[in-house]
Amino acid sequence: MTRVAAVDCGTNSLRLLIADVADGHLTDVVRTMTVVRLGQGVDRTGEFAADALDRTFAAVDEAAALCHEHGVEASRFVATSATRDARNRQQFLDGVSERLGVVPEVISGHEEAELSFRGATSVLDASHDAPYLVVDLGGGSTEVVLGTAHPEFSHSMEVGCVRMTERHLVSDPPEPDEIADAVRDIHAAIDAAFEGVPVGRTRTLVGLAGSITTVTAHALGLHSYDRDRINGAVLPIDAAMKACDELLHASHASRAALGFMHPGRIDVIGAGALVWHTLMGRVRTAVRDAGGELPHVVTSEHDILDGIAFSAAQLAR
């Protein structure tokens, strides 16, 4: 058994998983999520803002304390979309190294997709048929990856809940013309992704990350965020799309009143829901065009963070 720490630092949140890994299985010790909005303004300025770095470094300090407290043997810190885009990324990377004692890695969209696929499929049982199409919807990018035992095709799209909010959905609630502009961006990104990923082969669609788990909580009618009920939830695609529409068109005040809504997602969930709605519709159409059916979508609470933990254990051997 190896006790590892996995850190996923994305555009919107910094997440930590401390877990024991043995015989290809992962047992959670600590799993935390802090909304740091590291990617604040990066799409517009190309740089990390000073206050965004301060928030993120504070979360890294907390992660370092937890790693020390729980006797972590090996760690891996992964940074994704916002860090790939920021000109002043070295300031961020140096700050993480000083605080955590680990050299952070800025991974490609391709590796991000592979790690997400490994984490998501590690807990799927025989009731879900392959090939699996795993969608990891983040703050700055969205990864789509198709495979069975391992990833076979993947693509990283530069659309995410923070990027689409800052670029298009600035009104509260969003105006129709803002939504139309965002949809055009999303469809263009999907067009490029589907050129390289044969999504028509999909037998099981799996959605990951905070926007999708929040949509699922809404579709399930939860009064508070319940990870156990969300994980593995199987929703009719029509029900998931309805939940997306409701969150997209809700005001910030209405979203804030929902008991399952994390405060750090109130302003960006509309864009995340719009990306997920558009993707579900496009995937279902592609499957139908290929002669199949895709009536349901599966939500997983296991994602890139789990993939990072497995990889950290391998590196420690």
C-alpha atoms as a PDB file:
ATOM      1  CA  MET A   1       0.000   0.000   0.000  1.00  0.00           C
ATOM      2  CA  THR A   2       1.181   3.517  -0.853  1.00  0.00           C
ATOM      3  CA  ARG A   3      -0.324   6.686   0.611  1.00  0.00           C
ATOM      4  CA  VAL A   4      -0.375   9.341  -2.076  1.00  0.00           C
ATOM      5  CA  ALA A   5      -1.519  12.908  -2.536  1.00  0.00           C
ATOM      6  CA  ALA A   6      -3.014  14.070  -5.818  1.00  0.00           C
ATOM      7  CA  VAL A   7      -3.636  17.745  -6.512  1.00  0.00           C
ATOM      8  CA  ASP A   8      -5.634  18.960  -9.502  1.00  0.00           C
ATOM      9  CA  CYS A   9      -5.369  22.717  -9.996  1.00  0.00           C
ATOM     10  CA  GLY A  10      -7.736  23.855 -12.696  1.00  0.00           C
ATOM     11  CA  THR A  11      -9.218  27.134 -13.826  1.00  0.00           C
ATOM     12  CA  ASN A  12     -11.886  27.272 -11.138  1.00  0.00           C
ATOM     13  CA  SER A  13     -10.876  24.978  -8.288  1.00  0.00           C
ATOM     14  CA  LEU A  14      -7.981  23.330  -6.504  1.00  0.00           C
ATOM     15  CA  ARG A  15      -8.752  19.787  -5.395  1.00  0.00           C
ATOM     16  CA  LEU A  16      -6.776  17.474  -3.141  1.00  0.00           C
ATOM     17  CA  LEU A  17      -7.074  13.725  -2.775  1.00  0.00           C
ATOM     18  CA  ILE A  18      -5.065  11.831  -0.191  1.00  0.00           C
ATOM     19  CA  ALA A  19      -5.606   8.128  -0.745  1.00  0.00           C
ATOM     20  CA  ASP A  20      -4.197   4.693  -0.084  1.00  0.00           C
ATOM     21  CA  VAL A  21      -3.473   2.796  -3.296  1.00  0.00           C
ATOM     22  CA  ALA A  22      -3.048  -0.990  -3.267  1.00  0.00           C
ATOM     23  CA  ASP A  23      -3.569  -3.706  -5.893  1.00  0.00           C
ATOM     24  CA  GLY A  24      -5.101  -1.267  -8.369  1.00  0.00           C
ATOM     25  CA  HIS A  25      -7.671   0.012  -5.876  1.00  0.00           C
ATOM     26  CA  LEU A  26      -7.936   3.429  -4.287  1.00  0.00           C
ATOM     27  CA  THR A  27      -9.266   4.203  -0.807  1.00  0.00           C
ATOM     28  CA  ASP A  28      -9.981   7.832   0.077  1.00  0.00           C
ATOM     29  CA  VAL A  29      -8.389   9.316   3.175  1.00  0.00           C
ATOM     30  CA  VAL A  30      -9.080  13.004   2.477  1.00  0.00           C
ATOM     31  CA  ARG A  31     -10.849  14.613  -0.497  1.00  0.00           C
ATOM     32  CA  THR A  32     -11.214  18.410  -0.568  1.00  0.00           C
ATOM     33  CA  MET A  33     -12.197  21.098  -3.062  1.00  0.00           C
ATOM     34  CA  THR A  34     -11.522  24.826  -2.824  1.00  0.00           C
ATOM     35  CA  VAL A  35     -12.776  27.293  -5.411  1.00  0.00           C
ATOM     36  CA  VAL A  36      -9.756  29.528  -6.091  1.00  0.00           C
ATOM     37  CA  ARG A  37     -10.678  30.854  -9.563  1.00  0.00           C
ATOM     38  CA  LEU A  38      -7.017  30.744 -10.631  1.00  0.00           C
ATOM     39  CA  GLY A  39      -8.108  31.397 -14.205  1.00  0.00           C
ATOM     40  CA  GLN A  40      -9.799  34.689 -13.359  1.00  0.00           C
ATOM     41  CA  GLY A  41      -9.376  36.915 -16.417  1.00  0.00           C
ATOM     42  CA  VAL A  42      -6.760  34.665 -18.081  1.00  0.00           C
ATOM     43  CA  ASP A  43      -8.853  34.271 -21.241  1.00  0.00           C
ATOM     44  CA  ARG A  44      -8.808  38.079 -21.642  1.00  0.00           C
ATOM     45  CA  THR A  45      -5.387  39.092 -20.284  1.00  0.00           C
ATOM     46  CA  GLY A  46      -3.250  35.986 -20.789  1.00  0.00           C
ATOM     47  CA  GLU A  47      -1.927  36.292 -17.221  1.00  0.00           C
ATOM     48  CA  PHE A  48      -2.759  35.204 -13.677  1.00  0.00           C
ATOM     49  CA  ALA A  49      -4.160  38.007 -11.533  1.00  0.00           C
ATOM     50  CA  ALA A  50      -2.362  38.738  -8.255  1.00  0.00           C
ATOM     51  CA  ASP A  51      -5.439  38.054  -6.115  1.00  0.00           C
ATOM     52  CA  ALA A  52      -6.057  34.773  -7.950  1.00  0.00           C
ATOM     53  CA  LEU A  53      -2.506  33.664  -7.131  1.00  0.00           C
ATOM     54  CA  ASP A  54      -2.979  34.661  -3.484  1.00  0.00           C
ATOM     55  CA  ARG A  55      -6.169  32.578  -3.198  1.00  0.00           C
ATOM     56  CA  THR A  56      -4.504  29.602  -4.849  1.00  0.00           C
ATOM     57  CA  PHE A  57      -1.364  29.755  -2.723  1.00  0.00           C
ATOM     58  CA  ALA A  58      -3.526  29.832   0.420  1.00  0.00           C
ATOM     59  CA  ALA A  59      -5.224  26.627  -0.761  1.00  0.00           C
ATOM     60  CA  VAL A  60      -1.824  25.045  -1.508  1.00  0.00           C
ATOM     61  CA  ASP A  61      -0.708  25.870   2.050  1.00  0.00           C
ATOM     62  CA  GLU A  62      -3.771  24.038   3.379  1.00  0.00           C
ATOM     63  CA  ALA A  63      -3.044  21.068   1.121  1.00  0.00           C
ATOM     64  CA  ALA A  64       0.581  20.934   2.324  1.00  0.00           C
ATOM     65  CA  ALA A  65      -0.565  20.863   5.960  1.00  0.00           C
ATOM     66  CA  LEU A  66      -2.953  17.983   5.259  1.00  0.00           C
ATOM     67  CA  CYS A  67      -0.257  16.014   3.424  1.00  0.00           C
ATOM     68  CA  HIS A  68       2.056  16.394   6.426  1.00  0.00           C
ATOM     69  CA  GLU A  69      -0.702  15.482   8.881  1.00  0.00           C
ATOM     70  CA  HIS A  70      -1.619  12.278   7.042  1.00  0.00           C
ATOM     71  CA  GLY A  71       1.879  11.018   6.287  1.00  0.00           C
ATOM     72  CA  VAL A  72       1.815  11.170   2.516  1.00  0.00           C
ATOM     73  CA  GLU A  73       4.592   9.144   0.861  1.00  0.00           C
ATOM     74  CA  ALA A  74       4.314  10.399  -2.727  1.00  0.00           C
ATOM     75  CA  SER A  75       2.636  13.416  -4.317  1.00  0.00           C
ATOM     76  CA  ARG A  76       1.753  14.681  -7.749  1.00  0.00           C
ATOM     77  CA  PHE A  77       0.518  18.216  -8.481  1.00  0.00           C
ATOM     78  CA  VAL A  78      -1.104  18.741 -11.883  1.00  0.00           C
ATOM     79  CA  ALA A  79      -2.072  22.096 -13.395  1.00  0.00           C
ATOM     80  CA  THR A  80      -4.307  22.305 -16.432  1.00  0.00           C
ATOM     81  CA  SER A  81      -6.033  24.812 -18.721  1.00  0.00           C
ATOM     82  CA  ALA A  82      -5.461  28.177 -17.031  1.00  0.00           C
ATOM     83  CA  THR A  83      -1.793  27.405 -16.361  1.00  0.00           C
ATOM     84  CA  ARG A  84      -1.275  26.297 -19.953  1.00  0.00           C
ATOM     85  CA  ASP A  85      -2.597  29.704 -21.076  1.00  0.00           C
ATOM     86  CA  ALA A  86      -0.909  32.062 -18.589  1.00  0.00           C
ATOM     87  CA  ARG A  87       2.303  33.888 -19.559  1.00  0.00           C
ATOM     88  CA  ASN A  88       3.321  34.310 -15.911  1.00  0.00           C
ATOM     89  CA  ARG A  89       2.847  30.619 -15.069  1.00  0.00           C
ATOM     90  CA  GLN A  90       6.379  30.347 -13.686  1.00  0.00           C
ATOM     91  CA  GLN A  91       5.453  32.597 -10.761  1.00  0.00           C
ATOM     92  CA  PHE A  92       2.664  30.172  -9.935  1.00  0.00           C
ATOM     93  CA  LEU A  93       4.807  27.056 -10.401  1.00  0.00           C
ATOM     94  CA  ASP A  94       7.585  28.432  -8.198  1.00  0.00           C
ATOM     95  CA  GLY A  95       5.094  29.331  -5.474  1.00  0.00           C
ATOM     96  CA  VAL A  96       3.644  25.820  -5.466  1.00  0.00           C
ATOM     97  CA  SER A  97       7.100  24.227  -5.291  1.00  0.00           C
ATOM     98  CA  GLU A  98       8.067  26.370  -2.308  1.00  0.00           C
ATOM     99  CA  ARG A  99       4.900  25.518  -0.398  1.00  0.00           C
ATOM    100  CA  LEU A 100       4.351  21.868  -1.250  1.00  0.00           C
ATOM    101  CA  GLY A 101       7.856  20.627  -1.928  1.00  0.00           C
ATOM    102  CA  VAL A 102       6.701  19.072  -5.200  1.00  0.00           C
ATOM    103  CA  VAL A 103       7.480  20.224  -8.715  1.00  0.00           C
ATOM    104  CA  PRO A 104       4.080  20.963 -10.303  1.00  0.00           C
ATOM    105  CA  GLU A 105       3.384  19.648 -13.784  1.00  0.00           C
ATOM    106  CA  VAL A 106       1.576  21.595 -16.491  1.00  0.00           C
ATOM    107  CA  ILE A 107       0.001  18.765 -18.417  1.00  0.00           C
ATOM    108  CA  SER A 108      -1.356  18.776 -21.956  1.00  0.00           C
ATOM    109  CA  GLY A 109      -5.022  18.460 -22.768  1.00  0.00           C
ATOM    110  CA  HIS A 110      -4.271  14.964 -24.086  1.00  0.00           C
ATOM    111  CA  GLU A 111      -2.795  13.790 -20.774  1.00  0.00           C
ATOM    112  CA  GLU A 112      -5.611  15.513 -18.885  1.00  0.00           C
ATOM    113  CA  ALA A 113      -8.094  13.459 -20.917  1.00  0.00           C
ATOM    114  CA  GLU A 114      -6.215  10.211 -20.256  1.00  0.00           C
ATOM    115  CA  LEU A 115      -6.075  10.807 -16.494  1.00  0.00           C
ATOM    116  CA  SER A 116      -9.784  11.673 -16.431  1.00  0.00           C
ATOM    117  CA  PHE A 117     -10.622   8.492 -18.346  1.00  0.00           C
ATOM    118  CA  ARG A 118      -8.620   6.325 -15.977  1.00  0.00           C
ATOM    119  CA  GLY A 119     -10.242   7.847 -12.911  1.00  0.00           C
ATOM    120  CA  ALA A 120     -13.786   7.649 -14.269  1.00  0.00           C
ATOM    121  CA  THR A 121     -13.640   4.118 -15.648  1.00  0.00           C
ATOM    122  CA  SER A 122     -11.914   2.686 -12.570  1.00  0.00           C
ATOM    123  CA  VAL A 123     -15.295   2.490 -10.805  1.00  0.00           C
ATOM    124  CA  LEU A 124     -17.638   1.583 -13.702  1.00  0.00           C
ATOM    125  CA  ASP A 125     -19.183  -1.873 -13.360  1.00  0.00           C
ATOM    126  CA  ALA A 126     -20.369  -4.394 -15.925  1.00  0.00           C
ATOM    127  CA  SER A 127     -23.811  -2.774 -16.154  1.00  0.00           C
ATOM    128  CA  HIS A 128     -22.254  -0.016 -18.292  1.00  0.00           C
ATOM    129  CA  ASP A 129     -21.303  -1.076 -21.810  1.00  0.00           C
ATOM    130  CA  ALA A 130     -18.141   0.051 -23.571  1.00  0.00           C
ATOM    131  CA  PRO A 131     -16.927   1.999 -25.454  1.00  0.00           C
ATOM    132  CA  TYR A 132     -17.146   4.805 -22.902  1.00  0.00           C
ATOM    133  CA  LEU A 133     -17.124   8.467 -23.847  1.00  0.00           C
ATOM    134  CA  VAL A 134     -15.796  10.385 -20.840  1.00  0.00           C
ATOM    135  CA  VAL A 135     -16.420  14.138 -20.725  1.00  0.00           C
ATOM    136  CA  ASP A 136     -14.460  16.198 -18.171  1.00  0.00           C
ATOM    137  CA  LEU A 137     -15.985  19.674 -18.151  1.00  0.00           C
ATOM    138  CA  GLY A 138     -13.648  22.133 -16.448  1.00  0.00           C
ATOM    139  CA  GLY A 139     -13.335  25.846 -15.989  1.00  0.00           C
ATOM    140  CA  GLY A 140     -11.128  26.579 -18.992  1.00  0.00           C
ATOM    141  CA  SER A 141     -11.263  23.426 -21.087  1.00  0.00           C
ATOM    142  CA  THR A 142     -13.383  20.343 -21.677  1.00  0.00           C
ATOM    143  CA  GLU A 143     -11.848  16.988 -22.492  1.00  0.00           C
ATOM    144  CA  VAL A 144     -13.616  14.240 -24.431  1.00  0.00           C
ATOM    145  CA  VAL A 145     -12.032  10.804 -24.502  1.00  0.00           C
ATOM    146  CA  LEU A 146     -13.331   7.556 -25.999  1.00  0.00           C
ATOM    147  CA  GLY A 147     -12.094   4.106 -25.098  1.00  0.00           C
ATOM    148  CA  THR A 148     -12.757   0.723 -23.548  1.00  0.00           C
ATOM    149  CA  ALA A 149      -9.975  -0.647 -21.344  1.00  0.00           C
ATOM    150  CA  HIS A 150      -7.882   2.436 -22.053  1.00  0.00           C
ATOM    151  CA  PRO A 151      -8.218   5.730 -23.946  1.00  0.00           C
ATOM    152  CA  GLU A 152      -8.219   5.349 -27.715  1.00  0.00           C
ATOM    153  CA  PHE A 153      -9.221   8.835 -28.940  1.00  0.00           C
ATOM    154  CA  SER A 154      -9.200  12.166 -27.131  1.00  0.00           C
ATOM    155  CA  HIS A 155      -9.508  15.886 -27.722  1.00  0.00           C
ATOM    156  CA  SER A 156      -9.261  18.938 -25.466  1.00  0.00           C
ATOM    157  CA  MET A 157     -11.633  21.802 -26.287  1.00  0.00           C
ATOM    158  CA  GLU A 158     -10.991  25.348 -25.102  1.00  0.00           C
ATOM    159  CA  VAL A 159     -14.474  25.770 -23.706  1.00  0.00           C
ATOM    160  CA  GLY A 160     -15.325  25.625 -20.016  1.00  0.00           C
ATOM    161  CA  CYS A 161     -17.573  27.203 -17.422  1.00  0.00           C
ATOM    162  CA  VAL A 162     -15.245  30.084 -16.502  1.00  0.00           C
ATOM    163  CA  ARG A 163     -14.030  30.781 -20.040  1.00  0.00           C
ATOM    164  CA  MET A 164     -17.581  30.853 -21.498  1.00  0.00           C
ATOM    165  CA  THR A 165     -18.895  32.968 -18.611  1.00  0.00           C
ATOM    166  CA  GLU A 166     -16.183  35.593 -18.978  1.00  0.00           C
ATOM    167  CA  ARG A 167     -16.361  35.585 -22.759  1.00  0.00           C
ATOM    168  CA  HIS A 168     -20.136  35.562 -23.249  1.00  0.00           C
ATOM    169  CA  LEU A 169     -22.563  35.108 -20.321  1.00  0.00           C
ATOM    170  CA  VAL A 170     -22.063  38.415 -18.509  1.00  0.00           C
ATOM    171  CA  SER A 171     -25.712  39.303 -17.753  1.00  0.00           C
ATOM    172  CA  ASP A 172     -27.767  37.994 -14.836  1.00  0.00           C
ATOM    173  CA  PRO A 173     -29.514  35.915 -16.070  1.00  0.00           C
ATOM    174  CA  PRO A 174     -27.836  35.557 -19.486  1.00  0.00           C
ATOM    175  CA  GLU A 175     -29.420  37.382 -22.413  1.00  0.00           C
ATOM    176  CA  PRO A 176     -30.531  35.372 -25.498  1.00  0.00           C
ATOM    177  CA  ASP A 177     -27.848  36.931 -27.724  1.00  0.00           C
ATOM    178  CA  GLU A 178     -25.150  36.060 -25.179  1.00  0.00           C
ATOM    179  CA  ILE A 179     -26.349  32.449 -25.106  1.00  0.00           C
ATOM    180  CA  ALA A 180     -26.431  32.314 -28.915  1.00  0.00           C
ATOM    181  CA  ASP A 181     -22.828  33.576 -29.136  1.00  0.00           C
ATOM    182  CA  ALA A 182     -21.691  31.011 -26.566  1.00  0.00           C
ATOM    183  CA  VAL A 183     -23.491  28.200 -28.382  1.00  0.00           C
ATOM    184  CA  ARG A 184     -21.693  29.101 -31.620  1.00  0.00           C
ATOM    185  CA  ASP A 185     -18.336  28.901 -29.808  1.00  0.00           C
ATOM    186  CA  ILE A 186     -19.254  25.566 -28.231  1.00  0.00           C
ATOM    187  CA  HIS A 187     -20.468  24.025 -31.493  1.00  0.00           C
ATOM    188  CA  ALA A 188     -17.284  25.111 -33.274  1.00  0.00           C
ATOM    189  CA  ALA A 189     -15.181  23.445 -30.572  1.00  0.00           C
ATOM    190  CA  ILE A 190     -17.295  20.290 -30.746  1.00  0.00           C
ATOM    191  CA  ASP A 191     -16.969  20.179 -34.536  1.00  0.00           C
ATOM    192  CA  ALA A 192     -13.179  20.107 -34.172  1.00  0.00           C
ATOM    193  CA  ALA A 193     -13.303  17.506 -31.401  1.00  0.00           C
ATOM    194  CA  PHE A 194     -15.606  15.154 -33.308  1.00  0.00           C
ATOM    195  CA  GLU A 195     -13.269  15.176 -36.322  1.00  0.00           C
ATOM    196  CA  GLY A 196     -10.759  13.185 -34.287  1.00  0.00           C
ATOM    197  CA  VAL A 197     -12.997  11.328 -31.819  1.00  0.00           C
ATOM    198  CA  PRO A 198     -15.530   8.874 -33.348  1.00  0.00           C
ATOM    199  CA  VAL A 199     -18.231   9.585 -30.772  1.00  0.00           C
ATOM    200  CA  GLY A 200     -20.816   7.670 -32.781  1.00  0.00           C
ATOM    201  CA  ARG A 201     -19.325   4.484 -31.294  1.00  0.00           C
ATOM    202  CA  THR A 202     -20.283   5.545 -27.745  1.00  0.00           C
ATOM    203  CA  ARG A 203     -22.268   3.032 -25.699  1.00  0.00           C
ATOM    204  CA  THR A 204     -21.974   4.823 -22.334  1.00  0.00           C
ATOM    205  CA  LEU A 205     -21.608   8.585 -21.861  1.00  0.00           C
ATOM    206  CA  VAL A 206     -19.915   9.531 -18.577  1.00  0.00           C
ATOM    207  CA  GLY A 207     -19.806  13.101 -17.255  1.00  0.00           C
ATOM    208  CA  LEU A 208     -17.272  14.388 -14.731  1.00  0.00           C
ATOM    209  CA  ALA A 209     -16.392  17.471 -12.689  1.00  0.00           C
ATOM    210  CA  GLY A 210     -18.237  20.191 -10.814  1.00  0.00           C
ATOM    211  CA  SER A 211     -20.520  21.603 -13.495  1.00  0.00           C
ATOM    212  CA  ILE A 212     -21.834  18.146 -14.369  1.00  0.00           C
ATOM    213  CA  THR A 213     -22.179  16.925 -10.782  1.00  0.00           C
ATOM    214  CA  THR A 214     -24.062  20.149  -9.953  1.00  0.00           C
ATOM    215  CA  VAL A 215     -26.426  19.650 -12.898  1.00  0.00           C
ATOM    216  CA  THR A 216     -26.958  16.088 -11.667  1.00  0.00           C
ATOM    217  CA  ALA A 217     -27.769  17.286  -8.147  1.00  0.00           C
ATOM    218  CA  HIS A 218     -30.409  19.583  -9.642  1.00  0.00           C
ATOM    219  CA  ALA A 219     -31.856  16.824 -11.846  1.00  0.00           C
ATOM    220  CA  LEU A 220     -32.092  14.532  -8.807  1.00  0.00           C
ATOM    221  CA  GLY A 221     -33.898  17.230  -6.813  1.00  0.00           C
ATOM    222  CA  LEU A 222     -31.345  17.185  -4.003  1.00  0.00           C
ATOM    223  CA  HIS A 223     -31.687  19.672  -1.155  1.00  0.00           C
ATOM    224  CA  SER A 224     -27.975  19.438  -0.333  1.00  0.00           C
ATOM    225  CA  TYR A 225     -24.909  18.138  -2.142  1.00  0.00           C
ATOM    226  CA  ASP A 226     -24.786  14.362  -1.638  1.00  0.00           C
ATOM    227  CA  ARG A 227     -21.699  12.833  -3.231  1.00  0.00           C
ATOM    228  CA  ASP A 228     -22.907   9.275  -2.710  1.00  0.00           C
ATOM    229  CA  ARG A 229     -26.199   9.883  -4.533  1.00  0.00           C
ATOM    230  CA  ILE A 230     -24.550  11.815  -7.353  1.00  0.00           C
ATOM    231  CA  ASN A 231     -21.785   9.296  -7.963  1.00  0.00           C
ATOM    232  CA  GLY A 232     -22.992   6.682 -10.429  1.00  0.00           C
ATOM    233  CA  ALA A 233     -26.327   8.405 -11.010  1.00  0.00           C
ATOM    234  CA  VAL A 234     -27.922   7.343 -14.307  1.00  0.00           C
ATOM    235  CA  LEU A 235     -30.129  10.064 -15.781  1.00  0.00           C
ATOM    236  CA  PRO A 236     -32.260  10.129 -18.903  1.00  0.00           C
ATOM    237  CA  ILE A 237     -30.500  12.587 -21.209  1.00  0.00           C
ATOM    238  CA  ASP A 238     -33.725  14.570 -21.558  1.00  0.00           C
ATOM    239  CA  ALA A 239     -33.881  15.023 -17.769  1.00  0.00           C
ATOM    240  CA  ALA A 240     -30.229  16.100 -17.637  1.00  0.00           C
ATOM    241  CA  MET A 241     -30.791  18.594 -20.466  1.00  0.00           C
ATOM    242  CA  LYS A 242     -33.865  20.017 -18.698  1.00  0.00           C
ATOM    243  CA  ALA A 243     -31.792  20.560 -15.549  1.00  0.00           C
ATOM    244  CA  CYS A 244     -29.149  22.326 -17.671  1.00  0.00           C
ATOM    245  CA  ASP A 245     -31.762  24.675 -19.140  1.00  0.00           C
ATOM    246  CA  GLU A 246     -33.129  25.560 -15.712  1.00  0.00           C
ATOM    247  CA  LEU A 247     -29.702  26.414 -14.299  1.00  0.00           C
ATOM    248  CA  LEU A 248     -28.688  28.374 -17.402  1.00  0.00           C
ATOM    249  CA  HIS A 249     -31.734  30.650 -17.254  1.00  0.00           C
ATOM    250  CA  ALA A 250     -31.829  31.061 -13.457  1.00  0.00           C
ATOM    251  CA  SER A 251     -30.649  34.270 -11.829  1.00  0.00           C
ATOM    252  CA  HIS A 252     -27.629  34.284  -9.529  1.00  0.00           C
ATOM    253  CA  ALA A 253     -29.962  34.755  -6.558  1.00  0.00           C
ATOM    254  CA  SER A 254     -32.054  31.743  -7.563  1.00  0.00           C
ATOM    255  CA  ARG A 255     -28.956  29.593  -7.998  1.00  0.00           C
ATOM    256  CA  ALA A 256     -27.593  30.693  -4.621  1.00  0.00           C
ATOM    257  CA  ALA A 257     -30.811  29.540  -2.951  1.00  0.00           C
ATOM    258  CA  LEU A 258     -30.246  25.950  -4.103  1.00  0.00           C
ATOM    259  CA  GLY A 259     -28.934  23.916  -1.188  1.00  0.00           C
ATOM    260  CA  PHE A 260     -26.536  21.843  -3.301  1.00  0.00           C
ATOM    261  CA  MET A 261     -24.929  24.839  -5.025  1.00  0.00           C
ATOM    262  CA  HIS A 262     -21.329  25.613  -4.049  1.00  0.00           C
ATOM    263  CA  PRO A 263     -20.891  29.402  -3.674  1.00  0.00           C
ATOM    264  CA  GLY A 264     -17.960  29.311  -6.074  1.00  0.00           C
ATOM    265  CA  ARG A 265     -20.140  27.901  -8.846  1.00  0.00           C
ATOM    266  CA  ILE A 266     -23.069  30.319  -8.673  1.00  0.00           C
ATOM    267  CA  ASP A 267     -21.783  32.652 -11.377  1.00  0.00           C
ATOM    268  CA  VAL A 268     -20.362  29.993 -13.733  1.00  0.00           C
ATOM    269  CA  ILE A 269     -22.829  27.088 -13.535  1.00  0.00           C
ATOM    270  CA  GLY A 270     -24.963  28.577 -16.328  1.00  0.00           C
ATOM    271  CA  ALA A 271     -22.083  28.327 -18.776  1.00  0.00           C
ATOM    272  CA  GLY A 272     -21.139  24.869 -17.543  1.00  0.00           C
ATOM    273  CA  ALA A 273     -24.738  23.733 -17.974  1.00  0.00           C
ATOM    274  CA  LEU A 274     -24.816  25.181 -21.494  1.00  0.00           C
ATOM    275  CA  VAL A 275     -21.645  23.318 -22.514  1.00  0.00           C
ATOM    276  CA  TRP A 276     -22.994  20.063 -21.065  1.00  0.00           C
ATOM    277  CA  HIS A 277     -26.422  20.499 -22.693  1.00  0.00           C
ATOM    278  CA  THR A 278     -24.834  21.138 -26.090  1.00  0.00           C
ATOM    279  CA  LEU A 279     -22.437  18.211 -25.800  1.00  0.00           C
ATOM    280  CA  MET A 280     -25.129  15.739 -24.722  1.00  0.00           C
ATOM    281  CA  GLY A 281     -27.280  16.717 -27.681  1.00  0.00           C
ATOM    282  CA  ARG A 282     -24.421  16.426 -30.164  1.00  0.00           C
ATOM    283  CA  VAL A 283     -23.262  13.042 -28.806  1.00  0.00           C
ATOM    284  CA  ARG A 284     -26.789  11.605 -28.857  1.00  0.00           C
ATOM    285  CA  THR A 285     -27.243  12.746 -32.463  1.00  0.00           C
ATOM    286  CA  ALA A 286     -23.890  11.232 -33.505  1.00  0.00           C
ATOM    287  CA  VAL A 287     -24.799   7.900 -31.895  1.00  0.00           C
ATOM    288  CA  ARG A 288     -28.193   7.889 -33.615  1.00  0.00           C
ATOM    289  CA  ASP A 289     -26.580   8.724 -36.955  1.00  0.00           C
ATOM    290  CA  ALA A 290     -24.344   5.679 -36.457  1.00  0.00           C
ATOM    291  CA  GLY A 291     -27.390   3.464 -35.895  1.00  0.00           C
ATOM    292  CA  GLY A 292     -27.327   3.344 -32.086  1.00  0.00           C
ATOM    293  CA  GLU A 293     -29.232   4.831 -29.159  1.00  0.00           C
ATOM    294  CA  LEU A 294     -28.003   6.807 -26.162  1.00  0.00           C
ATOM    295  CA  PRO A 295     -30.907   7.345 -23.772  1.00  0.00           C
ATOM    296  CA  HIS A 296     -28.921   7.888 -20.569  1.00  0.00           C
ATOM    297  CA  VAL A 297     -25.877   9.618 -19.119  1.00  0.00           C
ATOM    298  CA  VAL A 298     -23.826   8.469 -16.119  1.00  0.00           C
ATOM    299  CA  THR A 299     -22.326  10.931 -13.626  1.00  0.00           C
ATOM    300  CA  SER A 300     -19.092  10.034 -11.842  1.00  0.00           C
ATOM    301  CA  GLU A 301     -17.471  11.646  -8.827  1.00  0.00           C
ATOM    302  CA  HIS A 302     -14.287   9.816  -9.785  1.00  0.00           C
ATOM    303  CA  ASP A 303     -12.253  11.763 -12.313  1.00  0.00           C
ATOM    304  CA  ILE A 304      -8.830  13.215 -13.084  1.00  0.00           C
ATOM    305  CA  LEU A 305      -8.031  13.414  -9.375  1.00  0.00           C
ATOM    306  CA  ASP A 306      -8.294   9.625  -9.081  1.00  0.00           C
ATOM    307  CA  GLY A 307      -6.204   9.231 -12.228  1.00  0.00           C
ATOM    308  CA  ILE A 308      -3.499  11.472 -10.737  1.00  0.00           C
ATOM    309  CA  ALA A 309      -3.518   9.392  -7.531  1.00  0.00           C
ATOM    310  CA  PHE A 310      -3.033   6.146  -9.455  1.00  0.00           C
ATOM    311  CA  SER A 311      -0.188   7.685 -11.455  1.00  0.00           C
ATOM    312  CA  ALA A 312       1.474   9.029  -8.289  1.00  0.00           C
ATOM    313  CA  ALA A 313       1.467   5.518  -6.828  1.00  0.00           C
ATOM    314  CA  GLN A 314       3.065   4.141 -10.014  1.00  0.00           C
ATOM    315  CA  LEU A 315       5.766   6.809  -9.954  1.00  0.00           C
ATOM    316  CA  ALA A 316       6.536   5.973  -6.315  1.00  0.00           C
ATOM    317  CA  ARG A 317       7.348   2.355  -7.087  1.00  0.00           C
END
